[in-house]
Amino acid sequence: MKNSYIGYHIVSGVIKFAGNIWFGAKVYGKENIPKEGACILAGNHLSNNDAYMLYKGTSRPIHFLAKKELFEGHFGWFFKMMHLIPIDRKNKNPLAKEKVMELLSEGKVVGIFPEGTYHKEDILLPFKPGVISFASKSGAPIIPFAMKSTWKFRSHPKIVFGKPIYINKIKSDDKVKYLENVIKDMIKII
């Protein structure tokens, strides 16, 4: 039962149902998320509610990178059941990196917020390079996404998923900045 997604599907279904009632999100570009095979969802990070928006985009299980502190409290079991990958934001994370690469090699979906933390501002924080490294080494496409929301009752938050980016085919000296600019442009149009 270690690799079971039953709990994940139940909880993500409840989150989607409750979120639809409370927020009423609008999702665009769902068709850009592959139905099978590895991919990395990467975009801006607004709040703890962001998972709801991504769950609305695909029924495929998403393996999010999440701060290790979430696993240290009374609800650590919950985050494990949701297949989150603990990451220490202050130190190197060889085990987390191995886990991400393993998941991608198995054709799974990994969710990454390249800013590394959420914030309320409408600007993006500088992206960390991990998402580019994972995409380069695995060959998995990055599916960029952009969200806008006030996270108030019936605020109708929006998320748009962009076309897949195969980072090894991008001609840019700074691929991190390239991805950051793609998502900035997406934020402007939502």
Protein backbone atom coordinates (compact mmCIF):
# COMPACT_ATOMS: atom_id res chain seq x y z
CA MET A 1 0.00 0.00 0.00
CA LYS A 2 3.08 2.27 0.19
CA ASN A 3 2.51 3.64 -3.32
CA SER A 4 -1.26 3.90 -3.00
CA TYR A 5 -2.94 7.04 -4.25
CA ILE A 6 -6.35 6.29 -2.73
CA GLY A 7 -5.91 8.83 0.08
CA TYR A 8 -4.54 11.37 -2.38
CA HIS A 9 -7.56 11.07 -4.70
CA ILE A 10 -10.03 11.30 -1.82
CA VAL A 11 -8.38 14.36 -0.28
CA SER A 12 -7.74 16.16 -3.58
CA GLY A 13 -11.37 15.47 -4.54
CA VAL A 14 -12.60 17.00 -1.27
CA ILE A 15 -10.28 20.00 -1.75
CA LYS A 16 -11.59 20.53 -5.29
CA PHE A 17 -15.22 20.21 -4.18
CA ALA A 18 -14.83 22.60 -1.22
CA GLY A 19 -12.68 24.99 -3.25
CA ASN A 20 -15.27 25.10 -6.03
CA ILE A 21 -17.94 26.10 -3.54
CA TRP A 22 -15.79 28.59 -1.63
CA PHE A 23 -13.67 30.14 -4.41
CA GLY A 24 -15.08 29.06 -7.80
CA ALA A 25 -11.78 28.92 -9.67
CA LYS A 26 -11.46 29.31 -13.41
CA VAL A 27 -8.93 27.03 -15.16
CA TYR A 28 -7.51 27.61 -18.63
CA GLY A 29 -5.11 25.48 -20.68
CA LYS A 30 -5.78 22.12 -18.98
CA GLU A 31 -5.16 20.47 -22.33
CA ASN A 32 -1.48 21.47 -22.05
CA ILE A 33 -0.93 19.00 -19.21
CA PRO A 34 -0.04 15.61 -20.72
CA LYS A 35 -2.47 12.77 -19.95
CA GLU A 36 0.51 10.48 -19.35
CA GLY A 37 4.29 10.66 -19.05
CA ALA A 38 6.55 12.79 -16.92
CA CYS A 39 6.09 16.53 -16.63
CA ILE A 40 6.92 19.33 -14.22
CA LEU A 41 4.30 21.91 -13.30
CA ALA A 42 6.06 25.17 -12.43
CA GLY A 43 4.63 28.59 -11.64
CA ASN A 44 4.00 31.39 -9.19
CA HIS A 45 3.11 30.75 -5.54
CA LEU A 46 0.41 32.88 -3.92
CA SER A 47 -0.71 30.98 -0.79
CA ASN A 48 -1.29 27.63 0.87
CA ASN A 49 -4.43 27.38 -1.28
CA ASP A 50 -2.44 27.00 -4.50
CA ALA A 51 -2.66 23.19 -4.47
CA TYR A 52 -6.43 23.52 -5.00
CA MET A 53 -5.80 25.39 -8.26
CA LEU A 54 -3.38 22.76 -9.51
CA TYR A 55 -5.65 19.87 -8.50
CA LYS A 56 -8.33 21.51 -10.68
CA GLY A 57 -5.96 21.35 -13.65
CA THR A 58 -5.42 17.59 -13.69
CA SER A 59 -6.71 14.40 -12.14
CA ARG A 60 -3.17 13.00 -12.24
CA PRO A 61 -1.45 12.89 -8.83
CA ILE A 62 0.94 15.81 -8.37
CA HIS A 63 4.05 15.28 -6.25
CA PHE A 64 4.79 18.71 -4.80
CA LEU A 65 8.06 19.78 -3.28
CA ALA A 66 7.20 21.12 0.18
CA LYS A 67 9.15 22.60 3.07
CA LYS A 68 10.34 19.89 5.48
CA GLU A 69 8.75 21.68 8.44
CA LEU A 70 5.34 20.47 7.26
CA PHE A 71 6.38 16.89 7.95
CA GLU A 72 7.60 17.59 11.50
CA GLY A 73 4.26 18.42 13.13
CA HIS A 74 1.22 16.37 14.05
CA PHE A 75 0.06 16.31 10.44
CA GLY A 76 3.25 14.93 8.93
CA TRP A 77 1.38 11.72 8.05
CA PHE A 78 -1.08 13.77 5.99
CA PHE A 79 1.62 15.33 3.83
CA LYS A 80 3.20 11.92 3.28
CA MET A 81 -0.19 10.51 2.24
CA MET A 82 -0.47 13.38 -0.26
CA HIS A 83 2.89 12.29 -1.72
CA LEU A 84 4.66 15.58 -0.97
CA ILE A 85 8.44 15.57 -1.15
CA PRO A 86 10.13 17.21 1.87
CA ILE A 87 12.79 19.77 1.06
CA ASP A 88 15.08 21.75 3.32
CA ARG A 89 15.05 25.26 1.92
CA LYS A 90 18.32 26.17 3.65
CA ASN A 91 20.49 23.17 2.74
CA LYS A 92 21.28 20.85 -0.13
CA ASN A 93 18.72 18.10 -0.62
CA PRO A 94 20.24 15.04 -2.28
CA LEU A 95 17.38 12.74 -1.16
CA ALA A 96 14.70 15.13 -2.41
CA LYS A 97 16.52 15.51 -5.73
CA GLU A 98 16.81 11.74 -6.09
CA LYS A 99 13.10 11.34 -5.34
CA VAL A 100 12.13 13.93 -7.96
CA MET A 101 14.32 12.25 -10.58
CA GLU A 102 12.88 8.84 -9.67
CA LEU A 103 9.31 10.13 -10.03
CA LEU A 104 10.07 11.72 -13.39
CA SER A 105 11.72 8.51 -14.62
CA GLU A 106 8.48 6.71 -13.67
CA GLY A 107 6.42 9.15 -15.77
CA LYS A 108 4.88 11.05 -12.84
CA VAL A 109 3.88 14.71 -12.40
CA VAL A 110 6.02 16.89 -10.13
CA GLY A 111 4.82 20.30 -8.93
CA ILE A 112 7.39 22.99 -8.16
CA PHE A 113 7.04 26.60 -7.09
CA PRO A 114 10.40 27.97 -8.31
CA GLU A 115 10.13 31.06 -6.07
CA GLY A 116 10.62 28.72 -3.11
CA THR A 117 7.95 30.33 -0.94
CA TYR A 118 4.64 32.08 -1.31
CA HIS A 119 4.08 35.83 -1.01
CA LYS A 120 1.23 38.27 -1.45
CA GLU A 121 2.86 40.63 -3.95
CA ASP A 122 1.98 40.61 -7.64
CA ILE A 123 5.66 40.37 -8.57
CA LEU A 124 7.67 37.18 -8.88
CA LEU A 125 10.56 36.44 -6.55
CA PRO A 126 13.72 35.31 -8.36
CA PHE A 127 13.41 31.67 -9.39
CA LYS A 128 15.61 28.98 -7.91
CA PRO A 129 17.37 26.79 -10.51
CA GLY A 130 16.07 23.36 -9.39
CA VAL A 131 13.21 23.16 -11.89
CA ILE A 132 15.59 23.77 -14.80
CA SER A 133 18.02 21.16 -13.47
CA PHE A 134 15.28 18.52 -13.14
CA ALA A 135 13.90 19.27 -16.61
CA SER A 136 17.36 19.24 -18.21
CA LYS A 137 18.41 15.95 -16.62
CA SER A 138 15.10 14.12 -17.11
CA GLY A 139 14.04 15.54 -20.47
CA ALA A 140 10.55 16.06 -18.97
CA PRO A 141 8.65 19.09 -20.24
CA ILE A 142 7.93 21.99 -17.95
CA ILE A 143 4.27 23.01 -18.00
CA PRO A 144 4.34 26.65 -16.90
CA PHE A 145 1.38 28.01 -14.99
CA ALA A 146 0.30 31.40 -13.67
CA MET A 147 -2.28 32.17 -11.01
CA LYS A 148 -4.10 35.28 -9.82
CA SER A 149 -6.30 35.44 -6.74
CA THR A 150 -7.25 37.40 -3.66
CA TRP A 151 -8.36 34.13 -2.01
CA LYS A 152 -11.58 35.68 -0.78
CA PHE A 153 -15.00 34.03 -0.83
CA ARG A 154 -16.20 33.60 -4.45
CA SER A 155 -13.21 35.59 -5.73
CA HIS A 156 -12.98 33.29 -8.77
CA PRO A 157 -9.20 32.78 -8.79
CA LYS A 158 -7.68 32.06 -12.18
CA ILE A 159 -4.97 29.67 -13.31
CA VAL A 160 -3.65 29.21 -16.82
CA PHE A 161 -1.41 26.36 -17.94
CA GLY A 162 0.92 27.17 -20.82
CA LYS A 163 2.32 25.04 -23.62
CA PRO A 164 5.03 22.51 -22.64
CA ILE A 165 8.58 23.83 -22.57
CA TYR A 166 11.34 21.38 -23.46
CA ILE A 167 14.15 23.22 -21.73
CA ASN A 168 16.97 21.41 -23.57
CA LYS A 169 15.63 22.85 -26.84
CA ILE A 170 15.61 26.44 -25.57
CA LYS A 171 18.41 28.62 -26.89
CA SER A 172 19.11 30.84 -23.91
CA ASP A 173 22.13 31.51 -21.75
CA ASP A 174 19.91 31.86 -18.68
CA LYS A 175 17.15 29.26 -18.76
CA VAL A 176 16.02 30.11 -15.23
CA LYS A 177 15.39 33.70 -16.33
CA TYR A 178 13.74 32.42 -19.51
CA LEU A 179 11.18 30.42 -17.47
CA GLU A 180 10.69 33.32 -15.09
CA ASN A 181 9.91 35.62 -18.03
CA VAL A 182 7.47 33.11 -19.56
CA ILE A 183 5.51 32.99 -16.31
CA LYS A 184 5.67 36.79 -15.84
CA ASP A 185 4.13 37.19 -19.30
CA MET A 186 1.42 34.65 -18.45
CA ILE A 187 0.56 36.53 -15.24
CA LYS A 188 0.05 39.71 -17.26
CA ILE A 189 -2.56 38.11 -19.52
CA ILE A 190 -4.74 36.36 -16.93
